[in-house]
């Protein structure tokens, strides 16, 4: 266990909510706004985003090879972000089978759901999916 978790850490920054949240995000490895929602970058994995950029602009034969590459890279992810990798693979597969408009349409669907009153857990889940889908849009 890290010492700062066990014994605490001095806080010497500003005394407003944004400063507190920034401090907590840095110490906990989280990515949240002051009101508790996930930020638009939470769930994104830089190594996979670069492959997705290639995937999006590739031709159909190239997409299949890049899909395999995305799967391979996801297999290498061992940190707590490995669950996000599964979403990348699912989105890449859906993009292959459902066409290039899949990501845009799915983002719109998720935004409609997020605009309604849903549980914080579901809101986090859908926000993560939307964030990762944005790499495919």
N, C-alpha and C. Protein backbone atom coordinates (compact mmCIF):
# COMPACT_ATOMS: atom_id res chain seq x y z
N UNK A 1 0.85 -1.17 0.00
CA UNK A 1 0.00 0.00 0.00
C UNK A 1 0.90 1.24 0.00
N UNK A 2 0.53 2.21 -0.79
CA UNK A 2 1.31 3.44 -0.85
C UNK A 2 1.21 4.19 0.48
N UNK A 3 2.33 4.81 0.87
CA UNK A 3 2.36 5.51 2.15
C UNK A 3 1.32 6.62 2.24
N UNK A 4 1.08 7.34 1.12
CA UNK A 4 0.14 8.45 1.19
C UNK A 4 -1.28 7.96 1.46
N UNK A 5 -1.57 6.73 1.03
CA UNK A 5 -2.89 6.16 1.31
C UNK A 5 -3.00 5.81 2.79
N UNK A 6 -1.94 5.26 3.32
CA UNK A 6 -1.92 4.82 4.70
C UNK A 6 -1.91 5.98 5.69
N UNK A 7 -1.11 7.00 5.40
CA UNK A 7 -0.92 8.08 6.36
C UNK A 7 -1.49 9.42 5.91
N UNK A 8 -2.01 9.50 4.75
CA UNK A 8 -2.51 10.78 4.24
C UNK A 8 -1.40 11.59 3.61
N UNK A 9 -1.76 12.72 3.09
CA UNK A 9 -0.79 13.60 2.45
C UNK A 9 -1.23 15.03 2.66
N UNK A 10 -0.27 15.88 2.89
CA UNK A 10 -0.58 17.30 3.07
C UNK A 10 -1.12 17.88 1.78
N UNK A 11 -2.11 18.71 1.93
CA UNK A 11 -2.71 19.41 0.78
C UNK A 11 -2.46 20.89 0.98
N UNK A 12 -1.76 21.48 0.02
CA UNK A 12 -1.39 22.89 0.16
C UNK A 12 -1.82 23.71 -1.05
N UNK A 13 -2.81 23.25 -1.77
CA UNK A 13 -3.27 23.96 -2.96
C UNK A 13 -4.51 24.79 -2.62
N UNK A 14 -5.17 25.28 -3.66
CA UNK A 14 -6.34 26.13 -3.49
C UNK A 14 -7.47 25.45 -2.74
N UNK A 15 -8.35 26.26 -2.21
CA UNK A 15 -9.47 25.76 -1.41
C UNK A 15 -10.80 25.89 -2.16
N UNK A 16 -10.81 25.35 -3.37
CA UNK A 16 -12.07 25.32 -4.10
C UNK A 16 -12.26 23.91 -4.66
N UNK A 17 -13.45 23.63 -5.08
CA UNK A 17 -13.81 22.27 -5.50
C UNK A 17 -12.96 21.77 -6.67
N UNK A 18 -12.67 22.63 -7.64
CA UNK A 18 -11.89 22.20 -8.79
C UNK A 18 -10.48 21.78 -8.39
N UNK A 19 -9.87 22.53 -7.47
CA UNK A 19 -8.52 22.18 -6.99
C UNK A 19 -8.54 20.88 -6.22
N UNK A 20 -9.56 20.69 -5.37
CA UNK A 20 -9.68 19.45 -4.61
C UNK A 20 -9.85 18.25 -5.55
N UNK A 21 -10.71 18.40 -6.52
CA UNK A 21 -10.97 17.30 -7.45
C UNK A 21 -9.72 16.97 -8.26
N UNK A 22 -9.01 17.99 -8.71
CA UNK A 22 -7.76 17.75 -9.44
C UNK A 22 -6.78 16.97 -8.57
N UNK A 23 -6.63 17.37 -7.34
CA UNK A 23 -5.74 16.70 -6.40
C UNK A 23 -6.15 15.23 -6.22
N UNK A 24 -7.43 15.01 -5.99
CA UNK A 24 -7.93 13.65 -5.78
C UNK A 24 -7.74 12.81 -7.05
N UNK A 25 -8.04 13.38 -8.21
CA UNK A 25 -7.85 12.65 -9.47
C UNK A 25 -6.39 12.24 -9.64
N UNK A 26 -5.47 13.15 -9.35
CA UNK A 26 -4.04 12.84 -9.49
C UNK A 26 -3.62 11.73 -8.54
N UNK A 27 -4.07 11.79 -7.31
CA UNK A 27 -3.67 10.81 -6.30
C UNK A 27 -4.33 9.45 -6.49
N UNK A 28 -5.53 9.45 -7.01
CA UNK A 28 -6.28 8.19 -7.14
C UNK A 28 -6.28 7.61 -8.54
N UNK A 29 -5.71 8.33 -9.50
CA UNK A 29 -5.72 7.84 -10.88
C UNK A 29 -7.10 7.86 -11.50
N UNK A 30 -7.93 8.78 -11.04
CA UNK A 30 -9.28 8.89 -11.59
C UNK A 30 -9.37 10.07 -12.54
N UNK A 31 -10.49 10.19 -13.17
CA UNK A 31 -10.71 11.26 -14.13
C UNK A 31 -12.17 11.70 -14.03
N UNK A 32 -12.45 12.54 -13.05
CA UNK A 32 -13.82 12.98 -12.80
C UNK A 32 -13.91 14.49 -12.77
N UNK A 33 -15.11 14.98 -13.10
CA UNK A 33 -15.41 16.40 -12.95
C UNK A 33 -15.84 16.66 -11.51
N UNK A 34 -15.95 17.91 -11.15
CA UNK A 34 -16.30 18.29 -9.78
C UNK A 34 -17.66 17.72 -9.35
N UNK A 35 -18.60 17.56 -10.27
CA UNK A 35 -19.92 17.03 -9.89
C UNK A 35 -19.95 15.50 -9.87
N UNK A 36 -18.81 14.87 -10.14
CA UNK A 36 -18.71 13.42 -10.03
C UNK A 36 -18.74 12.65 -11.32
N UNK A 37 -19.13 13.26 -12.43
CA UNK A 37 -19.20 12.53 -13.70
C UNK A 37 -17.79 12.27 -14.22
N UNK A 38 -17.68 11.21 -15.01
CA UNK A 38 -16.42 10.92 -15.67
C UNK A 38 -16.12 12.00 -16.71
N UNK A 39 -14.84 12.26 -16.94
CA UNK A 39 -14.47 13.23 -17.96
C UNK A 39 -14.55 12.58 -19.33
N UNK A 40 -14.42 13.37 -20.37
CA UNK A 40 -14.53 12.85 -21.73
C UNK A 40 -13.29 12.07 -22.16
N UNK A 41 -12.26 12.02 -21.33
CA UNK A 41 -11.06 11.25 -21.67
C UNK A 41 -10.95 9.96 -20.88
N UNK A 42 -11.83 9.76 -19.92
CA UNK A 42 -11.75 8.55 -19.12
C UNK A 42 -12.03 7.33 -19.98
N UNK A 43 -11.24 6.29 -19.81
CA UNK A 43 -11.40 5.06 -20.57
C UNK A 43 -10.55 4.98 -21.83
N UNK A 44 -10.00 6.10 -22.25
CA UNK A 44 -9.19 6.11 -23.47
C UNK A 44 -7.79 5.58 -23.18
N UNK A 45 -7.28 4.77 -24.10
CA UNK A 45 -5.94 4.20 -24.00
C UNK A 45 -5.16 4.68 -25.22
N UNK A 46 -4.14 5.49 -24.98
CA UNK A 46 -3.40 6.16 -26.06
C UNK A 46 -2.88 5.18 -27.11
N UNK A 47 -2.33 4.05 -26.68
CA UNK A 47 -1.77 3.08 -27.62
C UNK A 47 -2.84 2.54 -28.56
N UNK A 48 -4.03 2.35 -28.04
CA UNK A 48 -5.12 1.84 -28.87
C UNK A 48 -5.72 2.94 -29.74
N UNK A 49 -5.75 4.16 -29.24
CA UNK A 49 -6.30 5.27 -30.02
C UNK A 49 -5.54 5.47 -31.33
N UNK A 50 -4.23 5.29 -31.30
CA UNK A 50 -3.46 5.45 -32.54
C UNK A 50 -3.82 4.36 -33.55
N UNK A 51 -4.04 3.14 -33.08
CA UNK A 51 -4.48 2.06 -33.98
C UNK A 51 -5.89 2.32 -34.51
N UNK A 52 -6.75 2.85 -33.66
CA UNK A 52 -8.12 3.15 -34.08
C UNK A 52 -8.12 4.21 -35.17
N UNK A 53 -7.25 5.21 -35.06
CA UNK A 53 -7.16 6.24 -36.11
C UNK A 53 -6.82 5.60 -37.45
N UNK A 54 -5.90 4.66 -37.45
CA UNK A 54 -5.57 3.93 -38.68
C UNK A 54 -6.76 3.11 -39.14
N UNK A 55 -7.41 2.44 -38.20
CA UNK A 55 -8.56 1.57 -38.49
C UNK A 55 -9.67 2.36 -39.18
N UNK A 56 -9.97 3.54 -38.67
CA UNK A 56 -11.08 4.35 -39.18
C UNK A 56 -10.84 4.76 -40.63
N UNK A 57 -9.61 5.07 -40.98
CA UNK A 57 -9.32 5.56 -42.33
C UNK A 57 -8.93 4.44 -43.30
N UNK A 58 -8.80 3.23 -42.81
CA UNK A 58 -8.34 2.12 -43.65
C UNK A 58 -9.46 1.59 -44.55
N UNK A 59 -9.04 0.91 -45.60
CA UNK A 59 -9.98 0.19 -46.46
C UNK A 59 -10.43 -1.08 -45.78
N UNK A 60 -11.42 -1.77 -46.35
CA UNK A 60 -12.03 -2.91 -45.65
C UNK A 60 -11.04 -4.05 -45.39
N UNK A 61 -10.13 -4.34 -46.33
CA UNK A 61 -9.15 -5.41 -46.09
C UNK A 61 -8.17 -5.01 -44.99
N UNK A 62 -7.75 -3.76 -45.03
CA UNK A 62 -6.84 -3.26 -44.01
C UNK A 62 -7.50 -3.26 -42.63
N UNK A 63 -8.79 -2.94 -42.61
CA UNK A 63 -9.52 -2.90 -41.33
C UNK A 63 -9.44 -4.25 -40.61
N UNK A 64 -9.55 -5.33 -41.36
CA UNK A 64 -9.50 -6.66 -40.75
C UNK A 64 -8.13 -6.90 -40.10
N UNK A 65 -7.08 -6.50 -40.77
CA UNK A 65 -5.73 -6.66 -40.21
C UNK A 65 -5.55 -5.77 -38.99
N UNK A 66 -6.08 -4.56 -39.06
CA UNK A 66 -5.96 -3.64 -37.93
C UNK A 66 -6.82 -4.11 -36.75
N UNK A 67 -7.95 -4.72 -37.04
CA UNK A 67 -8.78 -5.29 -35.98
C UNK A 67 -7.97 -6.35 -35.22
N UNK A 68 -7.27 -7.19 -35.95
CA UNK A 68 -6.44 -8.22 -35.31
C UNK A 68 -5.33 -7.57 -34.47
N UNK A 69 -4.80 -6.47 -34.97
CA UNK A 69 -3.76 -5.75 -34.23
C UNK A 69 -4.32 -5.14 -32.94
N UNK A 70 -5.53 -4.60 -33.03
CA UNK A 70 -6.19 -4.04 -31.84
C UNK A 70 -6.40 -5.14 -30.80
N UNK A 71 -6.88 -6.30 -31.25
CA UNK A 71 -7.06 -7.43 -30.33
C UNK A 71 -5.75 -7.82 -29.67
N UNK A 72 -4.70 -7.85 -30.47
CA UNK A 72 -3.37 -8.21 -29.95
C UNK A 72 -2.90 -7.22 -28.89
N UNK A 73 -3.06 -5.93 -29.18
CA UNK A 73 -2.63 -4.89 -28.23
C UNK A 73 -3.46 -4.94 -26.95
N UNK A 74 -4.75 -5.21 -27.08
CA UNK A 74 -5.61 -5.32 -25.90
C UNK A 74 -5.14 -6.48 -25.03
N UNK A 75 -4.69 -7.54 -25.64
CA UNK A 75 -4.16 -8.68 -24.89
C UNK A 75 -2.93 -8.34 -24.08
N UNK A 76 -2.21 -7.31 -24.49
CA UNK A 76 -1.00 -6.88 -23.78
C UNK A 76 -1.30 -5.95 -22.60
N UNK A 77 -2.48 -5.37 -22.57
CA UNK A 77 -2.83 -4.43 -21.51
C UNK A 77 -3.10 -5.21 -20.23
N UNK A 78 -2.31 -4.93 -19.21
CA UNK A 78 -2.45 -5.68 -17.96
C UNK A 78 -2.87 -4.80 -16.78
N UNK A 79 -2.94 -3.53 -16.99
CA UNK A 79 -3.29 -2.63 -15.89
C UNK A 79 -4.80 -2.64 -15.66
N UNK A 80 -5.23 -1.76 -14.79
CA UNK A 80 -6.66 -1.66 -14.49
C UNK A 80 -7.47 -1.20 -15.69
N UNK A 81 -6.80 -0.74 -16.74
CA UNK A 81 -7.51 -0.28 -17.93
C UNK A 81 -7.82 -1.42 -18.91
N UNK A 82 -7.48 -2.65 -18.55
CA UNK A 82 -7.72 -3.76 -19.48
C UNK A 82 -9.20 -3.92 -19.80
N UNK A 83 -10.07 -3.55 -18.86
CA UNK A 83 -11.52 -3.66 -19.14
C UNK A 83 -11.93 -2.70 -20.25
N UNK A 84 -11.22 -1.57 -20.37
CA UNK A 84 -11.51 -0.62 -21.45
C UNK A 84 -11.12 -1.22 -22.79
N UNK A 85 -10.06 -2.00 -22.79
CA UNK A 85 -9.60 -2.64 -24.02
C UNK A 85 -10.67 -3.51 -24.64
N UNK A 86 -11.44 -4.18 -23.80
CA UNK A 86 -12.53 -5.03 -24.30
C UNK A 86 -13.57 -4.19 -25.05
N UNK A 87 -13.78 -2.98 -24.59
CA UNK A 87 -14.73 -2.09 -25.27
C UNK A 87 -14.18 -1.69 -26.64
N UNK A 88 -12.87 -1.43 -26.71
CA UNK A 88 -12.25 -1.12 -28.00
C UNK A 88 -12.46 -2.26 -28.99
N UNK A 89 -12.23 -3.48 -28.55
CA UNK A 89 -12.38 -4.64 -29.43
C UNK A 89 -13.82 -4.77 -29.90
N UNK A 90 -14.76 -4.63 -28.98
CA UNK A 90 -16.18 -4.74 -29.33
C UNK A 90 -16.57 -3.65 -30.34
N UNK A 91 -16.09 -2.42 -30.11
CA UNK A 91 -16.42 -1.33 -31.02
C UNK A 91 -15.79 -1.53 -32.40
N UNK A 92 -14.58 -2.03 -32.43
CA UNK A 92 -13.92 -2.30 -33.72
C UNK A 92 -14.68 -3.38 -34.48
N UNK A 93 -15.08 -4.42 -33.77
CA UNK A 93 -15.84 -5.51 -34.41
C UNK A 93 -17.18 -4.99 -34.94
N UNK A 94 -17.87 -4.20 -34.12
CA UNK A 94 -19.16 -3.64 -34.56
C UNK A 94 -18.98 -2.71 -35.75
N UNK A 95 -17.90 -1.95 -35.77
CA UNK A 95 -17.62 -1.07 -36.91
C UNK A 95 -17.39 -1.87 -38.18
N UNK A 96 -16.72 -3.01 -38.03
CA UNK A 96 -16.49 -3.88 -39.19
C UNK A 96 -17.79 -4.44 -39.73
N UNK A 97 -18.65 -4.90 -38.83
CA UNK A 97 -19.87 -5.58 -39.28
C UNK A 97 -21.02 -4.63 -39.61
N UNK A 98 -21.08 -3.48 -38.91
CA UNK A 98 -22.22 -2.58 -39.08
C UNK A 98 -21.92 -1.35 -39.92
N UNK A 99 -20.67 -1.18 -40.30
CA UNK A 99 -20.32 -0.06 -41.19
C UNK A 99 -19.78 1.16 -40.47
N UNK A 100 -19.36 2.12 -41.26
CA UNK A 100 -18.66 3.30 -40.73
C UNK A 100 -19.55 4.22 -39.90
N UNK A 101 -20.86 4.15 -40.05
CA UNK A 101 -21.75 5.01 -39.27
C UNK A 101 -22.07 4.44 -37.89
N UNK A 102 -21.59 3.24 -37.63
CA UNK A 102 -21.91 2.59 -36.35
C UNK A 102 -21.55 3.48 -35.16
N UNK A 103 -20.32 3.98 -35.11
CA UNK A 103 -19.86 4.75 -33.95
C UNK A 103 -20.69 6.01 -33.76
N UNK A 104 -20.94 6.74 -34.84
CA UNK A 104 -21.72 7.98 -34.75
C UNK A 104 -23.13 7.70 -34.23
N UNK A 105 -23.77 6.67 -34.77
CA UNK A 105 -25.13 6.32 -34.36
C UNK A 105 -25.18 5.84 -32.91
N UNK A 106 -24.18 5.07 -32.51
CA UNK A 106 -24.14 4.55 -31.15
C UNK A 106 -23.88 5.68 -30.15
N UNK A 107 -23.04 6.63 -30.51
CA UNK A 107 -22.78 7.79 -29.64
C UNK A 107 -24.08 8.56 -29.43
N UNK A 108 -24.83 8.78 -30.49
CA UNK A 108 -26.10 9.50 -30.39
C UNK A 108 -27.08 8.75 -29.48
N UNK A 109 -27.12 7.44 -29.61
CA UNK A 109 -28.00 6.62 -28.77
C UNK A 109 -27.59 6.74 -27.29
N UNK A 110 -26.30 6.66 -27.03
CA UNK A 110 -25.82 6.76 -25.65
C UNK A 110 -26.07 8.16 -25.07
N UNK A 111 -25.93 9.19 -25.89
CA UNK A 111 -26.21 10.55 -25.42
C UNK A 111 -27.68 10.70 -25.03
N UNK A 112 -28.58 10.07 -25.80
CA UNK A 112 -30.00 10.12 -25.45
C UNK A 112 -30.24 9.45 -24.09
N UNK A 113 -29.60 8.31 -23.89
CA UNK A 113 -29.75 7.60 -22.62
C UNK A 113 -29.17 8.44 -21.48
N UNK A 114 -27.99 9.01 -21.69
CA UNK A 114 -27.33 9.80 -20.65
C UNK A 114 -28.10 11.07 -20.29
N UNK A 115 -28.92 11.55 -21.22
CA UNK A 115 -29.68 12.77 -20.94
C UNK A 115 -30.88 12.49 -20.02
N UNK A 116 -31.18 11.22 -19.80
CA UNK A 116 -32.29 10.83 -18.93
C UNK A 116 -31.76 10.58 -17.52
N UNK A 117 -32.66 10.37 -16.62
CA UNK A 117 -32.29 10.08 -15.24
C UNK A 117 -31.94 8.60 -15.12
N UNK A 118 -30.65 8.32 -14.96
CA UNK A 118 -30.18 6.94 -14.80
C UNK A 118 -29.25 6.87 -13.59
N UNK A 119 -28.97 5.69 -13.15
CA UNK A 119 -28.11 5.52 -11.97
C UNK A 119 -26.69 5.99 -12.28
N UNK A 120 -25.97 6.45 -11.28
CA UNK A 120 -24.58 6.88 -11.50
C UNK A 120 -23.70 5.76 -12.08
N UNK A 121 -23.95 4.53 -11.69
CA UNK A 121 -23.17 3.40 -12.20
C UNK A 121 -23.40 3.23 -13.69
N UNK A 122 -24.66 3.28 -14.11
CA UNK A 122 -24.98 3.18 -15.54
C UNK A 122 -24.43 4.39 -16.31
N UNK A 123 -24.52 5.57 -15.71
CA UNK A 123 -23.98 6.77 -16.37
C UNK A 123 -22.49 6.61 -16.60
N UNK A 124 -21.75 6.08 -15.64
CA UNK A 124 -20.32 5.84 -15.81
C UNK A 124 -20.07 4.84 -16.94
N UNK A 125 -20.83 3.76 -16.93
CA UNK A 125 -20.67 2.71 -17.95
C UNK A 125 -20.91 3.28 -19.35
N UNK A 126 -21.99 4.03 -19.52
CA UNK A 126 -22.32 4.58 -20.83
C UNK A 126 -21.34 5.68 -21.24
N UNK A 127 -20.85 6.44 -20.28
CA UNK A 127 -19.86 7.49 -20.59
C UNK A 127 -18.56 6.86 -21.08
N UNK A 128 -18.12 5.80 -20.42
CA UNK A 128 -16.92 5.10 -20.88
C UNK A 128 -17.09 4.60 -22.31
N UNK A 129 -18.23 3.98 -22.58
CA UNK A 129 -18.49 3.48 -23.93
C UNK A 129 -18.49 4.62 -24.94
N UNK A 130 -19.14 5.72 -24.58
CA UNK A 130 -19.20 6.88 -25.48
C UNK A 130 -17.81 7.46 -25.72
N UNK A 131 -17.01 7.57 -24.67
CA UNK A 131 -15.66 8.09 -24.81
C UNK A 131 -14.84 7.25 -25.79
N UNK A 132 -14.91 5.95 -25.63
CA UNK A 132 -14.13 5.07 -26.51
C UNK A 132 -14.69 5.08 -27.92
N UNK A 133 -16.00 5.11 -28.05
CA UNK A 133 -16.60 5.20 -29.39
C UNK A 133 -16.17 6.47 -30.12
N UNK A 134 -15.91 7.54 -29.38
CA UNK A 134 -15.52 8.79 -30.02
C UNK A 134 -14.23 8.63 -30.81
N UNK A 135 -13.39 7.69 -30.42
CA UNK A 135 -12.16 7.42 -31.17
C UNK A 135 -12.50 6.80 -32.54
N UNK A 136 -13.65 6.15 -32.64
CA UNK A 136 -14.06 5.49 -33.89
C UNK A 136 -14.91 6.40 -34.78
N UNK A 137 -15.35 7.52 -34.26
CA UNK A 137 -16.25 8.41 -35.01
C UNK A 137 -15.50 9.35 -35.93
